[in-house]
Amino acid sequence: MRYLILLLLLSSLFLAGFVAGWWLRDTQPAVAGWDEARSQVNSTVPDLRAVAPFEVRGLGPLLPSAAALQVINRLAIEARGPAYLAYLEEFGDDYGVLRVLAALARDGGVCQLSISYLLRAALVVPAGVQQEGLEAELARVTDTCARSLVGLQRYADLDRIYESITLALPELSDYFMALGLLRIQAGNPEAALSALAQIQNHGRLGAQSRHLMAGIDANRVDEPAALEALPLIVSGGQLLVKAFLDNHEPVTLMIDTGAAMTILQPQLLDRLGYDLNGRQAYFSTANGVVQAPVVAINRLALGQIGIDQLSVGALSLQLAEGVDGLLGMNFLRRYQFRIDQDRGLLYLDHLR
């Protein structure tokens, strides 16, 4: 009898071990990486499809999606990103999950991915949830992204971010203004018109938008009869050219094809009566990304050709004595230009 009881006990232990092993095999997490966030996480992610409803005190049984979130929230921090992605794939977009993913991407320095999650979250805002918090977070992440991309001179990427926000959330008018100003700064005013036109009747931004649009319309390239050849000044390995500001103020500018916008010393602009307390933009300098005023000067002319209402940055730079600023691409790209160092000439002609 004693041996029979022992045999039954051993059989029970074997059966229990077999069942436990089978259960562990079926519930063994799958390895998932967070490629989108470019992380190097090697963590295990639960099979969220296998998560059954379970009881939470006072709430009764949870739905599978809520139960899955309970499981994810008990994971190690580094494993939650991939698990949340698995959750979205299984259960669809969820406002709270997307906000968490946006925060994880932001903290990981992947601001563009963070913005994409915030825009997805904006499409599934639950009833009763205030959107102001999401909009404030979007503004913070976008500002961080703008600083980074301007520092890397990746203006096209920043353009795409602003445009994606205007398409997803057209009620946020400030991003139309940001997109228009960026395109003006990058020397593409014609493309800026489409963004500015969307807010020309806006209560707060309409007047500024109409002013910028009028400046673009007036910003026409003069068409002289012949090619302009301007003498270059070589100083310290830099190429300088003489120009006139507002038809009467002689200035010396350093040619900088790496500068998106023309830059003038703020003391010069202030002396000529320009208001430096208006809009600002980010600029990439040798000392990092800085904010500085942007003004539309009446005219900048090189020889007989010139541009009216040209946007310039008012930025103090460490330039050689007698140099008043940088001649950037928002002027040069309006022309076919060629630098002949052998002859010491800058050639400017009409675009063909």
Foldseek 3Di string as FASTA:
>chain_A
DVVVVVVVVVVVVVVVVVVVVVVCVVFPFDWDDDVVLPDPDGDGATPLVPQCWDQDPPPGTDHSLVSLVVVLVPDDPSPNLRNLVSSCVVPNDDLVSLQVNLVVSVVSVNLLSSLVSLLVSVVVPDPPDDCVVSVVVNVVSLVVVQQVCQQVVVLVVNLVSLVVCCVSPVVPLVSLVVNLVSCLLQLNNVVNLVSLVSCCPPPPCNVVSVVSVVLVVQFDKDADPDKDKFFWDADPNWTKGWKDFPVHRIAIATEDAPRSFWAFALVVVVVVPDDFPDDWHWHHDPVGIDIGGKFFTQWMGGPPIITGRRIYTHDDDPDPPRHGTHDYDSPQVQFDWDADVVVRIIITHHDD
